């Protein structure tokens, strides 16, 4: 028997991804207390991730109110082309706190590259997540979060480029 997910579980994973992201960015901000620009950027990203978690919690609550109508899928089904990616990324959301991996010895470049990779992973996950909800249940909210995550990638990439040019 294959792995199955329902919409409720998938949104729980999304909430955990956002919690993990917020913790990671807060820890990164703590590591760069002397660099006001980096600290401010990381704290802003942490706040955005916390807001995303609240949005996903609200959607999950709405879905739970629909009861038996919550959609279930098996990753091996062809019904959802993103199912295999989502099954793999479910592990991403359940990893231990990623902020604990930051030792304080990482360079800005290492932290930014890791953050960019995580943001891209979340975009892939949330793209598959959209398939669980119709327009009436908040699909537009998920699309907005995907756009914000894309903006996070741009911010982080620009910061990486700026720091590389400055020789930091």
C-alpha atoms as a PDB file:
ATOM      1  CA  UNK A   1       0.000   0.000   0.000  1.00  0.00           C
ATOM      2  CA  UNK A   2       1.317   3.439  -0.900  1.00  0.00           C
ATOM      3  CA  UNK A   3       1.655   6.561   1.163  1.00  0.00           C
ATOM      4  CA  UNK A   4      -1.486   8.654   1.357  1.00  0.00           C
ATOM      5  CA  UNK A   5      -1.972  12.247   2.404  1.00  0.00           C
ATOM      6  CA  UNK A   6      -5.079  14.240   2.991  1.00  0.00           C
ATOM      7  CA  UNK A   7      -5.371  17.982   2.656  1.00  0.00           C
ATOM      8  CA  UNK A   8      -5.400  18.449   6.427  1.00  0.00           C
ATOM      9  CA  UNK A   9      -2.051  16.653   6.798  1.00  0.00           C
ATOM     10  CA  UNK A  10      -0.493  18.479   3.885  1.00  0.00           C
ATOM     11  CA  UNK A  11      -1.380  21.836   5.441  1.00  0.00           C
ATOM     12  CA  UNK A  12       0.072  20.699   8.774  1.00  0.00           C
ATOM     13  CA  UNK A  13       3.318  20.044   6.909  1.00  0.00           C
ATOM     14  CA  UNK A  14       3.130  23.497   5.313  1.00  0.00           C
ATOM     15  CA  UNK A  15       2.717  25.057   8.751  1.00  0.00           C
ATOM     16  CA  UNK A  16       5.792  23.171   9.985  1.00  0.00           C
ATOM     17  CA  UNK A  17       7.800  24.316   6.972  1.00  0.00           C
ATOM     18  CA  UNK A  18       6.935  27.916   7.814  1.00  0.00           C
ATOM     19  CA  UNK A  19       7.714  27.436  11.523  1.00  0.00           C
ATOM     20  CA  UNK A  20      11.072  25.936  10.577  1.00  0.00           C
ATOM     21  CA  UNK A  21      11.760  28.828   8.215  1.00  0.00           C
ATOM     22  CA  UNK A  22      10.934  31.430  10.844  1.00  0.00           C
ATOM     23  CA  UNK A  23      13.211  29.738  13.396  1.00  0.00           C
ATOM     24  CA  UNK A  24      16.019  29.503  10.843  1.00  0.00           C
ATOM     25  CA  UNK A  25      15.784  33.203   9.964  1.00  0.00           C
ATOM     26  CA  UNK A  26      15.621  34.261  13.625  1.00  0.00           C
ATOM     27  CA  UNK A  27      18.744  32.217  14.348  1.00  0.00           C
ATOM     28  CA  UNK A  28      20.492  33.714  11.309  1.00  0.00           C
ATOM     29  CA  UNK A  29      19.553  37.194  12.574  1.00  0.00           C
ATOM     30  CA  UNK A  30      21.088  36.350  15.952  1.00  0.00           C
ATOM     31  CA  UNK A  31      24.309  35.300  14.251  1.00  0.00           C
ATOM     32  CA  UNK A  32      24.574  38.679  12.510  1.00  0.00           C
ATOM     33  CA  UNK A  33      23.860  41.057  15.380  1.00  0.00           C
ATOM     34  CA  UNK A  34      26.770  43.258  14.288  1.00  0.00           C
ATOM     35  CA  UNK A  35      25.516  43.496  10.706  1.00  0.00           C
ATOM     36  CA  UNK A  36      22.360  45.609  10.900  1.00  0.00           C
ATOM     37  CA  UNK A  37      21.393  45.061   7.263  1.00  0.00           C
ATOM     38  CA  UNK A  38      21.667  41.273   7.447  1.00  0.00           C
ATOM     39  CA  UNK A  39      19.922  41.156  10.830  1.00  0.00           C
ATOM     40  CA  UNK A  40      17.041  43.292   9.580  1.00  0.00           C
ATOM     41  CA  UNK A  41      16.600  41.189   6.440  1.00  0.00           C
ATOM     42  CA  UNK A  42      16.583  37.897   8.362  1.00  0.00           C
ATOM     43  CA  UNK A  43      14.112  39.207  10.948  1.00  0.00           C
ATOM     44  CA  UNK A  44      11.817  40.463   8.198  1.00  0.00           C
ATOM     45  CA  UNK A  45      11.927  37.065   6.503  1.00  0.00           C
ATOM     46  CA  UNK A  46      11.147  35.380   9.849  1.00  0.00           C
ATOM     47  CA  UNK A  47       8.097  37.611  10.282  1.00  0.00           C
ATOM     48  CA  UNK A  48       6.838  36.802   6.791  1.00  0.00           C
ATOM     49  CA  UNK A  49       7.235  33.077   7.447  1.00  0.00           C
ATOM     50  CA  UNK A  50       5.260  33.414  10.702  1.00  0.00           C
ATOM     51  CA  UNK A  51       2.443  35.127   8.779  1.00  0.00           C
ATOM     52  CA  UNK A  52       2.448  32.328   6.203  1.00  0.00           C
ATOM     53  CA  UNK A  53       2.082  29.779   9.008  1.00  0.00           C
ATOM     54  CA  UNK A  54      -1.033  31.611  10.211  1.00  0.00           C
ATOM     55  CA  UNK A  55      -2.520  31.601   6.706  1.00  0.00           C
ATOM     56  CA  UNK A  56      -1.970  27.857   6.355  1.00  0.00           C
ATOM     57  CA  UNK A  57      -3.461  27.242   9.809  1.00  0.00           C
ATOM     58  CA  UNK A  58      -6.555  29.177   8.751  1.00  0.00           C
ATOM     59  CA  UNK A  59      -6.929  27.193   5.550  1.00  0.00           C
ATOM     60  CA  UNK A  60      -6.441  23.935   7.460  1.00  0.00           C
ATOM     61  CA  UNK A  61      -9.170  24.989   9.889  1.00  0.00           C
ATOM     62  CA  UNK A  62     -11.515  25.688   6.974  1.00  0.00           C
ATOM     63  CA  UNK A  63     -10.747  22.285   5.481  1.00  0.00           C
ATOM     64  CA  UNK A  64     -11.378  20.512   8.780  1.00  0.00           C
ATOM     65  CA  UNK A  65     -14.820  22.096   8.880  1.00  0.00           C
ATOM     66  CA  UNK A  66     -15.585  20.403   5.557  1.00  0.00           C
ATOM     67  CA  UNK A  67     -15.128  17.009   7.251  1.00  0.00           C
ATOM     68  CA  UNK A  68     -15.478  14.057   4.904  1.00  0.00           C
ATOM     69  CA  UNK A  69     -14.994  16.289   1.891  1.00  0.00           C
ATOM     70  CA  UNK A  70     -11.258  16.594   2.582  1.00  0.00           C
ATOM     71  CA  UNK A  71      -9.476  15.279  -0.468  1.00  0.00           C
ATOM     72  CA  UNK A  72      -6.978  12.424  -0.201  1.00  0.00           C
ATOM     73  CA  UNK A  73      -4.350  11.361  -2.729  1.00  0.00           C
ATOM     74  CA  UNK A  74      -1.720   8.666  -3.055  1.00  0.00           C
ATOM     75  CA  UNK A  75       1.658   9.790  -4.424  1.00  0.00           C
ATOM     76  CA  UNK A  76       1.684   6.975  -6.979  1.00  0.00           C
ATOM     77  CA  UNK A  77      -1.567   8.202  -8.549  1.00  0.00           C
ATOM     78  CA  UNK A  78      -1.366  10.121 -11.784  1.00  0.00           C
ATOM     79  CA  UNK A  79      -4.166  12.405 -10.664  1.00  0.00           C
ATOM     80  CA  UNK A  80      -1.747  15.007  -9.367  1.00  0.00           C
ATOM     81  CA  UNK A  81       1.461  15.540 -11.321  1.00  0.00           C
ATOM     82  CA  UNK A  82       3.082  17.107  -8.258  1.00  0.00           C
ATOM     83  CA  UNK A  83       2.253  14.155  -6.000  1.00  0.00           C
ATOM     84  CA  UNK A  84       5.718  12.565  -6.124  1.00  0.00           C
ATOM     85  CA  UNK A  85       7.425  15.881  -5.389  1.00  0.00           C
ATOM     86  CA  UNK A  86       5.043  16.522  -2.510  1.00  0.00           C
ATOM     87  CA  UNK A  87       5.623  13.092  -1.000  1.00  0.00           C
ATOM     88  CA  UNK A  88       9.368  13.714  -1.049  1.00  0.00           C
ATOM     89  CA  UNK A  89       9.064  17.221   0.296  1.00  0.00           C
ATOM     90  CA  UNK A  90       6.862  16.093   3.169  1.00  0.00           C
ATOM     91  CA  UNK A  91      10.093  14.958   4.787  1.00  0.00           C
ATOM     92  CA  UNK A  92      11.475  18.498   4.312  1.00  0.00           C
ATOM     93  CA  UNK A  93       8.719  19.910   6.494  1.00  0.00           C
ATOM     94  CA  UNK A  94       9.234  17.352   9.224  1.00  0.00           C
ATOM     95  CA  UNK A  95      13.002  17.677   9.558  1.00  0.00           C
ATOM     96  CA  UNK A  96      14.321  18.722  12.935  1.00  0.00           C
ATOM     97  CA  UNK A  97      14.576  22.427  13.579  1.00  0.00           C
ATOM     98  CA  UNK A  98      16.897  23.721  10.820  1.00  0.00           C
ATOM     99  CA  UNK A  99      18.029  26.599  12.990  1.00  0.00           C
ATOM    100  CA  UNK A 100      19.855  24.082  15.175  1.00  0.00           C
ATOM    101  CA  UNK A 101      22.109  23.268  12.222  1.00  0.00           C
ATOM    102  CA  UNK A 102      23.486  26.818  12.310  1.00  0.00           C
ATOM    103  CA  UNK A 103      26.622  26.717  14.423  1.00  0.00           C
ATOM    104  CA  UNK A 104      27.662  30.330  14.021  1.00  0.00           C
ATOM    105  CA  UNK A 105      30.660  29.322  11.937  1.00  0.00           C
ATOM    106  CA  UNK A 106      28.786  29.578   8.643  1.00  0.00           C
ATOM    107  CA  UNK A 107      29.517  32.431   6.298  1.00  0.00           C
ATOM    108  CA  UNK A 108      26.795  34.743   5.055  1.00  0.00           C
ATOM    109  CA  UNK A 109      27.127  33.038   1.696  1.00  0.00           C
ATOM    110  CA  UNK A 110      26.515  29.585   3.181  1.00  0.00           C
ATOM    111  CA  UNK A 111      23.476  30.776   5.115  1.00  0.00           C
ATOM    112  CA  UNK A 112      22.043  32.596   2.111  1.00  0.00           C
ATOM    113  CA  UNK A 113      22.584  29.656  -0.235  1.00  0.00           C
ATOM    114  CA  UNK A 114      20.865  27.323   2.246  1.00  0.00           C
ATOM    115  CA  UNK A 115      17.986  29.759   2.677  1.00  0.00           C
ATOM    116  CA  UNK A 116      17.562  30.107  -1.089  1.00  0.00           C
ATOM    117  CA  UNK A 117      17.457  26.314  -1.509  1.00  0.00           C
ATOM    118  CA  UNK A 118      14.855  25.997   1.265  1.00  0.00           C
ATOM    119  CA  UNK A 119      12.701  28.754  -0.209  1.00  0.00           C
ATOM    120  CA  UNK A 120      12.796  27.042  -3.606  1.00  0.00           C
ATOM    121  CA  UNK A 121      11.804  23.722  -2.023  1.00  0.00           C
ATOM    122  CA  UNK A 122       8.861  25.380  -0.325  1.00  0.00           C
ATOM    123  CA  UNK A 123       7.734  26.901  -3.644  1.00  0.00           C
ATOM    124  CA  UNK A 124       7.660  23.423  -5.184  1.00  0.00           C
ATOM    125  CA  UNK A 125       5.731  22.059  -2.216  1.00  0.00           C
ATOM    126  CA  UNK A 126       3.192  24.886  -2.210  1.00  0.00           C
ATOM    127  CA  UNK A 127       2.667  24.572  -5.957  1.00  0.00           C
ATOM    128  CA  UNK A 128       1.519  20.997  -5.343  1.00  0.00           C
ATOM    129  CA  UNK A 129      -0.451  22.118  -2.307  1.00  0.00           C
ATOM    130  CA  UNK A 130      -2.673  24.318  -4.477  1.00  0.00           C
ATOM    131  CA  UNK A 131      -4.199  21.165  -5.931  1.00  0.00           C
ATOM    132  CA  UNK A 132      -5.851  20.407  -2.591  1.00  0.00           C
ATOM    133  CA  UNK A 133      -7.995  23.487  -2.445  1.00  0.00           C
ATOM    134  CA  UNK A 134     -10.529  25.088  -4.689  1.00  0.00           C
ATOM    135  CA  UNK A 135     -10.953  28.799  -5.173  1.00  0.00           C
ATOM    136  CA  UNK A 136     -13.564  28.943  -2.424  1.00  0.00           C
ATOM    137  CA  UNK A 137     -11.212  27.370   0.145  1.00  0.00           C
ATOM    138  CA  UNK A 138      -8.247  29.700  -0.317  1.00  0.00           C
ATOM    139  CA  UNK A 139      -6.303  28.734  -3.425  1.00  0.00           C
ATOM    140  CA  UNK A 140      -5.611  32.425  -4.020  1.00  0.00           C
ATOM    141  CA  UNK A 141      -3.985  32.641  -0.563  1.00  0.00           C
ATOM    142  CA  UNK A 142      -1.602  29.845  -1.483  1.00  0.00           C
ATOM    143  CA  UNK A 143      -0.802  31.555  -4.776  1.00  0.00           C
ATOM    144  CA  UNK A 144      -0.040  34.744  -2.826  1.00  0.00           C
ATOM    145  CA  UNK A 145       2.305  32.835  -0.519  1.00  0.00           C
ATOM    146  CA  UNK A 146       4.068  31.290  -3.524  1.00  0.00           C
ATOM    147  CA  UNK A 147       4.606  34.800  -4.901  1.00  0.00           C
ATOM    148  CA  UNK A 148       5.980  35.933  -1.545  1.00  0.00           C
ATOM    149  CA  UNK A 149       8.310  32.934  -1.373  1.00  0.00           C
ATOM    150  CA  UNK A 150       9.535  33.840  -4.859  1.00  0.00           C
ATOM    151  CA  UNK A 151      10.142  37.351  -3.575  1.00  0.00           C
ATOM    152  CA  UNK A 152      12.136  35.860  -0.691  1.00  0.00           C
ATOM    153  CA  UNK A 153      14.329  34.052  -3.229  1.00  0.00           C
ATOM    154  CA  UNK A 154      14.902  37.361  -5.051  1.00  0.00           C
ATOM    155  CA  UNK A 155      15.745  39.195  -1.822  1.00  0.00           C
ATOM    156  CA  UNK A 156      18.152  36.486  -0.711  1.00  0.00           C
ATOM    157  CA  UNK A 157      19.740  36.228  -4.164  1.00  0.00           C
ATOM    158  CA  UNK A 158      20.207  39.988  -4.375  1.00  0.00           C
ATOM    159  CA  UNK A 159      21.735  40.027  -0.905  1.00  0.00           C
ATOM    160  CA  UNK A 160      24.079  37.205  -1.881  1.00  0.00           C
ATOM    161  CA  UNK A 161      25.152  39.109  -4.994  1.00  0.00           C
ATOM    162  CA  UNK A 162      25.635  42.360  -3.066  1.00  0.00           C
ATOM    163  CA  UNK A 163      27.729  40.697  -0.355  1.00  0.00           C
ATOM    164  CA  UNK A 164      29.818  38.889  -2.998  1.00  0.00           C
ATOM    165  CA  UNK A 165      30.489  42.196  -4.789  1.00  0.00           C
ATOM    166  CA  UNK A 166      31.420  43.872  -1.513  1.00  0.00           C
ATOM    167  CA  UNK A 167      33.868  41.062  -0.835  1.00  0.00           C
ATOM    168  CA  UNK A 168      32.245  39.965   2.400  1.00  0.00           C
END
